[in-house]
Amino acid sequence: MLTTLVPFAAGASPDAATDPGAARTWLSKIHAAAKVGNYQGTMVFTTAGVVSSSRVAHFCIGDQAYERIEALDGKQRKVFRHNDLVHTVWPKAGLVVVERRAAGAAMPSAMPSVDPRALDQYELRSEGEERVAGREAVVLLLQPRDEWRFAQRLWVDRDSGLMLRADVIGPGRAVLESAAFSEVEIGVRPQPESVLQPIRKLDGLRVLRRAYLPTQLEVEGWSLQTPTPGFRPTMTHKRALDVQRGESAAQGPEVIQAVYSDGLTHVSLFIEPFDAGRHKQDLAAQFGATHTLSMRRGGFWVTAMGDVPAGTLRQFVDALERRRP
């Protein structure tokens, strides 16, 4: 049975660490709500001063998961997911990209989940209670135990465990990015047809299918010599580099993607053949909490990306070693 985190008594320190048992219970509750909960609402994303919003819905019936995400700002884009099958529709371009993601691959999600194993890398602290989207929420701070990751502050629905808001916290406690429900309904009746029907009606759209082929870095001639503390490999796959040309992984250049997670955040490594026409110079960039590092490694171009400090990406890239031509 899931237990309730007892709020701090008056005068208690807001930075006191939560009891390990209660901490693991809350992370399990968040994880379950994100995976099997039924909810819908509007989410607002704020990154580097840029604000956008999406209408989202998530339903589960038994072992079947359905998700719908519609961007309300910028270019029209709709995402429909049934289990591991993802359709991304660009209405004005008359285009739909169909992808079947392997187990462990990043999926479109209204609100990210948290693996309870994150407590190996973060200390969970209670910061009281607030209201988000009209609902009572427990405020939790995941404080990293080292310099390899950012802190995150979570607002968790007291009743369901659904994450209502998540902030990534940088140096000086600055909010690097935020995702929050502005309105949400929890425990709604599942509407699988709202996802399945658009998937069936693709007439008049140009359909591009992107195939992900499972692999391993070692099989592709690479190895990560010094693992970054706390990050575990979750999946590695390869796909055609340019889906617009309709190439399969067997026909054209390939990009390898290896994903690593610490239970809360992810880092992706992309490895592709060097192309002098596209790869001009090494790049280090930041947008909100997301850092990107790209550079040439012999005949290859390596890109590391994730919501982590720049030094963490440098550690990943420096540890990557080519084992064979």
Protein backbone atom coordinates (compact mmCIF):
# COMPACT_ATOMS: atom_id res chain seq x y z
CA MET A 1 0.00 0.00 0.00
CA LEU A 2 1.21 3.52 -0.80
CA THR A 3 1.72 5.68 2.24
CA THR A 4 1.31 9.42 2.63
CA LEU A 5 4.26 11.70 3.28
CA VAL A 6 3.64 13.55 6.53
CA PRO A 7 4.19 17.30 6.05
CA PHE A 8 6.71 19.08 8.24
CA ALA A 9 5.54 20.27 11.60
CA ALA A 10 5.60 23.99 12.30
CA GLY A 11 9.16 25.17 12.83
CA ALA A 12 10.77 22.14 11.17
CA SER A 13 13.50 22.78 8.63
CA PRO A 14 12.15 22.78 5.04
CA ASP A 15 15.46 21.26 3.92
CA ALA A 16 15.26 18.23 6.19
CA ALA A 17 15.77 14.98 4.32
CA THR A 18 12.70 12.78 3.92
CA ASP A 19 12.82 9.36 5.57
CA PRO A 20 14.30 6.91 3.00
CA GLY A 21 11.29 4.60 3.17
CA ALA A 22 8.81 7.44 2.61
CA ALA A 23 11.02 8.85 -0.16
CA ARG A 24 11.03 5.57 -2.06
CA THR A 25 7.26 5.27 -1.58
CA TRP A 26 6.69 8.70 -3.12
CA LEU A 27 8.92 8.00 -6.11
CA SER A 28 7.13 4.69 -6.67
CA LYS A 29 3.80 6.52 -6.52
CA ILE A 30 4.99 9.12 -9.07
CA HIS A 31 6.30 6.36 -11.34
CA ALA A 32 3.02 4.43 -11.22
CA ALA A 33 0.84 7.52 -11.82
CA ALA A 34 2.84 8.45 -14.94
CA LYS A 35 2.67 4.93 -16.37
CA VAL A 36 -0.87 3.74 -15.61
CA GLY A 37 -2.83 6.87 -14.68
CA ASN A 38 -5.72 8.31 -16.71
CA TYR A 39 -5.52 12.08 -17.01
CA GLN A 40 -5.84 14.96 -19.44
CA GLY A 41 -5.16 18.67 -19.36
CA THR A 42 -3.04 21.55 -20.62
CA MET A 43 0.66 21.83 -19.90
CA VAL A 44 2.80 24.97 -20.02
CA PHE A 45 6.53 24.70 -20.72
CA THR A 46 8.97 27.51 -19.92
CA THR A 47 12.55 27.30 -21.18
CA ALA A 48 15.04 30.18 -21.41
CA GLY A 49 12.18 32.69 -21.36
CA VAL A 50 10.28 30.88 -24.14
CA VAL A 51 6.77 29.77 -23.17
CA SER A 52 4.77 27.12 -25.03
CA SER A 53 1.80 24.93 -24.22
CA SER A 54 0.32 21.59 -25.23
CA ARG A 55 -2.95 19.77 -24.73
CA VAL A 56 -2.18 16.30 -23.38
CA ALA A 57 -4.02 13.09 -22.53
CA HIS A 58 -2.84 9.75 -21.16
CA PHE A 59 -4.94 6.59 -20.79
CA CYS A 60 -4.27 3.02 -19.69
CA ILE A 61 -6.50 -0.05 -20.09
CA GLY A 62 -4.82 -3.14 -18.71
CA ASP A 63 -1.39 -3.35 -20.32
CA GLN A 64 -2.36 -1.00 -23.18
CA ALA A 65 -1.11 2.61 -23.00
CA TYR A 66 -2.41 5.51 -25.10
CA GLU A 67 -1.13 9.08 -25.25
CA ARG A 68 -2.10 12.19 -27.19
CA ILE A 69 -0.12 15.44 -27.31
CA GLU A 70 -1.14 18.48 -29.36
CA ALA A 71 1.08 21.56 -29.53
CA LEU A 72 -0.95 24.75 -29.04
CA ASP A 73 1.82 27.18 -30.04
CA GLY A 74 4.14 27.44 -33.03
CA LYS A 75 3.93 24.87 -35.81
CA GLN A 76 0.98 22.51 -35.67
CA ARG A 77 2.10 19.14 -34.39
CA LYS A 78 0.18 16.20 -32.96
CA VAL A 79 1.65 13.07 -31.40
CA PHE A 80 -0.33 9.86 -30.96
CA ARG A 81 1.21 6.93 -29.08
CA HIS A 82 -0.15 3.42 -28.63
CA ASN A 83 2.33 1.43 -26.54
CA ASP A 84 5.63 1.61 -28.45
CA LEU A 85 4.13 2.86 -31.75
CA VAL A 86 4.40 6.64 -32.17
CA HIS A 87 2.80 8.76 -34.92
CA THR A 88 3.91 12.40 -35.20
CA VAL A 89 1.63 14.38 -37.51
CA TRP A 90 2.52 17.73 -39.10
CA PRO A 91 -0.87 18.77 -40.58
CA LYS A 92 0.25 21.77 -42.64
CA ALA A 93 3.12 19.84 -44.19
CA GLY A 94 0.84 16.87 -44.88
CA LEU A 95 3.41 14.62 -43.20
CA VAL A 96 3.33 11.86 -40.58
CA VAL A 97 6.43 10.19 -39.17
CA VAL A 98 5.82 6.67 -37.83
CA GLU A 99 8.29 5.21 -35.33
CA ARG A 100 8.28 2.03 -33.31
CA ARG A 101 10.40 2.64 -30.24
CA ALA A 102 12.34 -0.15 -28.60
CA ALA A 103 11.96 -0.95 -24.90
CA GLY A 104 13.86 1.68 -22.91
CA ALA A 105 13.64 4.28 -25.68
CA ALA A 106 12.51 7.79 -24.87
CA MET A 107 8.78 8.15 -25.45
CA PRO A 108 6.62 11.23 -25.86
CA SER A 109 5.25 11.97 -22.41
CA ALA A 110 2.96 14.53 -20.86
CA MET A 111 5.04 14.51 -17.69
CA PRO A 112 8.27 12.58 -17.08
CA SER A 113 8.42 9.67 -14.68
CA VAL A 114 10.94 9.05 -11.90
CA ASP A 115 12.58 5.70 -11.25
CA PRO A 116 12.87 5.01 -7.50
CA ARG A 117 16.52 4.09 -8.16
CA ALA A 118 17.12 7.83 -8.52
CA LEU A 119 17.55 7.87 -4.74
CA ASP A 120 21.00 6.37 -5.30
CA GLN A 121 22.02 9.69 -6.90
CA TYR A 122 19.66 12.19 -5.27
CA GLU A 123 18.51 13.00 -1.75
CA LEU A 124 14.77 13.63 -1.48
CA ARG A 125 13.72 16.58 0.69
CA SER A 126 10.23 17.79 1.51
CA GLU A 127 9.46 21.46 0.98
CA GLY A 128 5.88 21.52 2.23
CA GLU A 129 2.69 21.81 0.19
CA GLU A 130 1.28 24.14 -2.48
CA ARG A 131 -1.58 24.22 -4.97
CA VAL A 132 -1.01 23.54 -8.67
CA ALA A 133 -3.81 23.62 -11.26
CA GLY A 134 -6.33 23.77 -8.42
CA ARG A 135 -5.03 20.61 -6.72
CA GLU A 136 -3.19 20.04 -3.46
CA ALA A 137 0.41 19.09 -4.13
CA VAL A 138 3.35 17.92 -2.03
CA VAL A 139 6.56 19.77 -2.99
CA LEU A 140 9.66 17.56 -3.17
CA LEU A 141 13.25 18.51 -3.93
CA LEU A 142 15.60 15.95 -5.48
CA GLN A 143 19.04 17.25 -4.51
CA PRO A 144 21.97 15.62 -6.36
CA ARG A 145 24.66 13.95 -4.27
CA ASP A 146 27.42 15.06 -6.70
CA GLU A 147 28.23 17.57 -9.46
CA TRP A 148 27.13 15.40 -12.39
CA ARG A 149 23.43 16.35 -12.39
CA PHE A 150 20.96 19.16 -11.71
CA ALA A 151 18.50 19.35 -8.85
CA GLN A 152 14.79 19.03 -9.63
CA ARG A 153 11.81 20.30 -7.68
CA LEU A 154 8.59 18.33 -8.12
CA TRP A 155 5.00 19.20 -7.27
CA VAL A 156 3.15 15.90 -6.78
CA ASP A 157 -0.62 15.49 -6.56
CA ARG A 158 -1.30 14.37 -3.00
CA ASP A 159 -4.12 12.00 -3.94
CA SER A 160 -2.94 10.35 -7.17
CA GLY A 161 0.83 10.83 -7.19
CA LEU A 162 0.72 12.46 -10.63
CA MET A 163 3.48 15.00 -11.15
CA LEU A 164 1.77 18.37 -11.63
CA ARG A 165 4.90 20.47 -12.09
CA ALA A 166 8.62 19.84 -12.48
CA ASP A 167 11.40 22.46 -12.35
CA VAL A 168 15.04 21.83 -13.23
CA ILE A 169 17.22 23.80 -10.81
CA GLY A 170 20.66 25.09 -11.78
CA PRO A 171 23.45 26.91 -9.96
CA GLY A 172 22.24 29.53 -7.50
CA ARG A 173 18.86 27.74 -7.35
CA ALA A 174 17.94 29.30 -10.71
CA VAL A 175 15.02 27.62 -12.52
CA LEU A 176 16.45 26.49 -15.87
CA GLU A 177 13.17 25.11 -17.21
CA SER A 178 9.71 24.27 -15.97
CA ALA A 179 6.80 22.08 -17.07
CA ALA A 180 3.46 22.46 -15.29
CA PHE A 181 -0.21 21.69 -15.73
CA SER A 182 -2.32 24.84 -15.93
CA GLU A 183 -5.44 22.67 -15.73
CA VAL A 184 -5.81 18.91 -15.33
CA GLU A 185 -8.43 16.21 -14.84
CA ILE A 186 -7.25 13.07 -13.07
CA GLY A 187 -9.06 9.73 -13.13
CA VAL A 188 -10.89 10.45 -16.39
CA ARG A 189 -12.59 7.74 -18.42
CA PRO A 190 -10.09 6.20 -20.89
CA GLN A 191 -10.67 7.26 -24.50
CA PRO A 192 -8.45 4.96 -26.58
CA GLU A 193 -10.29 5.81 -29.80
CA SER A 194 -9.11 9.43 -29.50
CA VAL A 195 -5.63 7.99 -30.18
CA LEU A 196 -6.40 5.01 -32.41
CA GLN A 197 -8.77 6.76 -34.82
CA PRO A 198 -6.27 9.41 -36.02
CA ILE A 199 -3.66 6.66 -36.46
CA ARG A 200 -6.00 4.78 -38.79
CA LYS A 201 -6.85 7.87 -40.87
CA LEU A 202 -3.62 8.71 -42.67
CA ASP A 203 -5.16 9.17 -46.14
CA GLY A 204 -3.74 12.22 -47.89
CA LEU A 205 -0.63 12.33 -45.68
CA ARG A 206 2.88 11.45 -46.76
CA VAL A 207 3.95 8.64 -44.44
CA LEU A 208 7.62 8.27 -43.48
CA ARG A 209 8.53 5.23 -41.43
CA ARG A 210 11.62 5.33 -39.24
CA ALA A 211 13.02 1.98 -38.17
CA TYR A 212 15.02 1.65 -34.96
CA LEU A 213 17.32 -1.38 -34.91
CA PRO A 214 18.57 -2.51 -31.47
CA THR A 215 22.35 -2.74 -31.16
CA GLN A 216 25.21 -2.20 -28.70
CA LEU A 217 28.09 0.26 -28.73
CA GLU A 218 30.59 -2.62 -28.65
CA VAL A 219 28.93 -4.26 -31.67
CA GLU A 220 29.30 -0.97 -33.57
CA GLY A 221 32.99 -0.72 -32.64
CA TRP A 222 32.73 1.71 -29.72
CA SER A 223 33.08 1.55 -25.95
CA LEU A 224 32.54 3.90 -23.02
CA GLN A 225 35.80 3.53 -21.11
CA THR A 226 34.89 5.45 -17.94
CA PRO A 227 31.18 5.40 -17.06
CA THR A 228 29.81 8.64 -15.65
CA PRO A 229 28.87 7.99 -12.00
CA GLY A 230 25.22 7.03 -11.51
CA PHE A 231 24.27 6.76 -15.20
CA ARG A 232 23.20 3.33 -16.44
CA PRO A 233 22.71 2.35 -20.10
CA THR A 234 19.01 1.97 -20.92
CA MET A 235 19.09 1.31 -24.67
CA THR A 236 21.18 1.59 -27.83
CA HIS A 237 19.80 1.58 -31.36
CA LYS A 238 20.63 2.73 -34.86
CA ARG A 239 18.51 4.16 -37.63
CA ALA A 240 18.80 5.73 -41.06
CA LEU A 241 20.43 9.12 -40.76
CA ASP A 242 18.04 10.95 -43.06
CA VAL A 243 14.41 9.84 -42.85
CA GLN A 244 13.46 12.40 -45.49
CA ARG A 245 15.29 10.35 -48.10
CA GLY A 246 13.37 7.28 -47.06
CA GLU A 247 16.57 5.28 -46.54
CA SER A 248 16.66 2.24 -44.32
CA ALA A 249 19.54 1.54 -41.96
CA ALA A 250 20.80 -1.03 -44.46
CA GLN A 251 20.83 1.42 -47.41
CA GLY A 252 22.32 4.69 -46.22
CA PRO A 253 24.36 6.36 -43.49
CA GLU A 254 23.33 5.43 -39.97
CA VAL A 255 23.21 7.28 -36.67
CA ILE A 256 23.74 5.35 -33.45
CA GLN A 257 21.97 6.57 -30.32
CA ALA A 258 22.95 5.32 -26.85
CA VAL A 259 20.80 6.48 -23.92
CA TYR A 260 21.89 6.60 -20.28
CA SER A 261 19.74 7.39 -17.25
CA ASP A 262 20.27 8.07 -13.54
CA GLY A 263 16.60 7.39 -12.82
CA LEU A 264 15.55 11.03 -13.16
CA THR A 265 17.28 12.49 -16.20
CA HIS A 266 18.78 11.13 -19.43
CA VAL A 267 21.86 11.66 -21.59
CA SER A 268 21.90 10.66 -25.26
CA LEU A 269 25.02 9.99 -27.31
CA PHE A 270 24.65 10.22 -31.10
CA ILE A 271 27.38 8.87 -33.39
CA GLU A 272 27.23 9.39 -37.16
CA PRO A 273 29.66 9.52 -40.08
CA PHE A 274 31.46 12.85 -40.39
CA ASP A 275 30.07 15.01 -43.22
CA ALA A 276 32.13 18.11 -44.04
CA GLY A 277 29.09 19.69 -45.66
CA ARG A 278 27.03 19.60 -42.43
CA HIS A 279 29.58 19.39 -39.64
CA LYS A 280 31.46 22.69 -39.72
CA GLN A 281 32.94 23.12 -36.25
CA ASP A 282 32.75 21.82 -32.71
CA LEU A 283 29.70 23.09 -30.82
CA ALA A 284 28.84 23.62 -27.17
CA ALA A 285 25.39 25.08 -26.52
CA GLN A 286 22.78 25.46 -23.81
CA PHE A 287 19.03 26.05 -24.03
CA GLY A 288 17.37 26.08 -20.65
CA ALA A 289 18.53 22.96 -18.82
CA THR A 290 19.57 21.18 -22.03
CA HIS A 291 23.24 21.19 -22.88
CA THR A 292 24.57 19.99 -26.23
CA LEU A 293 28.16 19.12 -27.11
CA SER A 294 29.17 18.16 -30.67
CA MET A 295 32.63 17.42 -32.05
CA ARG A 296 34.56 15.44 -34.62
CA ARG A 297 36.14 12.15 -33.59
CA GLY A 298 38.19 10.89 -36.54
CA GLY A 299 35.78 9.93 -39.31
CA PHE A 300 32.75 10.40 -37.04
CA TRP A 301 30.68 13.20 -35.57
CA VAL A 302 29.67 12.74 -31.94
CA THR A 303 26.87 14.65 -30.20
CA ALA A 304 26.00 14.42 -26.50
CA MET A 305 22.74 15.94 -25.27
CA GLY A 306 20.89 16.03 -21.96
CA ASP A 307 19.45 18.05 -19.08
CA VAL A 308 22.73 17.88 -17.19
CA PRO A 309 25.70 20.20 -16.53
CA ALA A 310 28.09 20.75 -19.43
CA GLY A 311 30.84 18.88 -17.57
CA THR A 312 28.72 15.73 -17.54
CA LEU A 313 28.48 15.71 -21.33
CA ARG A 314 32.23 16.31 -21.59
CA GLN A 315 32.79 13.29 -19.35
CA PHE A 316 30.64 11.12 -21.65
CA VAL A 317 32.35 12.28 -24.85
CA ASP A 318 35.87 11.99 -23.42
CA ALA A 319 35.10 8.43 -22.30
CA LEU A 320 33.89 7.35 -25.76
CA GLU A 321 36.57 5.36 -27.57
CA ARG A 322 36.68 3.84 -31.04
CA ARG A 323 37.70 0.18 -30.73
CA ARG A 324 37.93 -0.71 -34.41
CA PRO A 325 37.90 1.09 -37.81
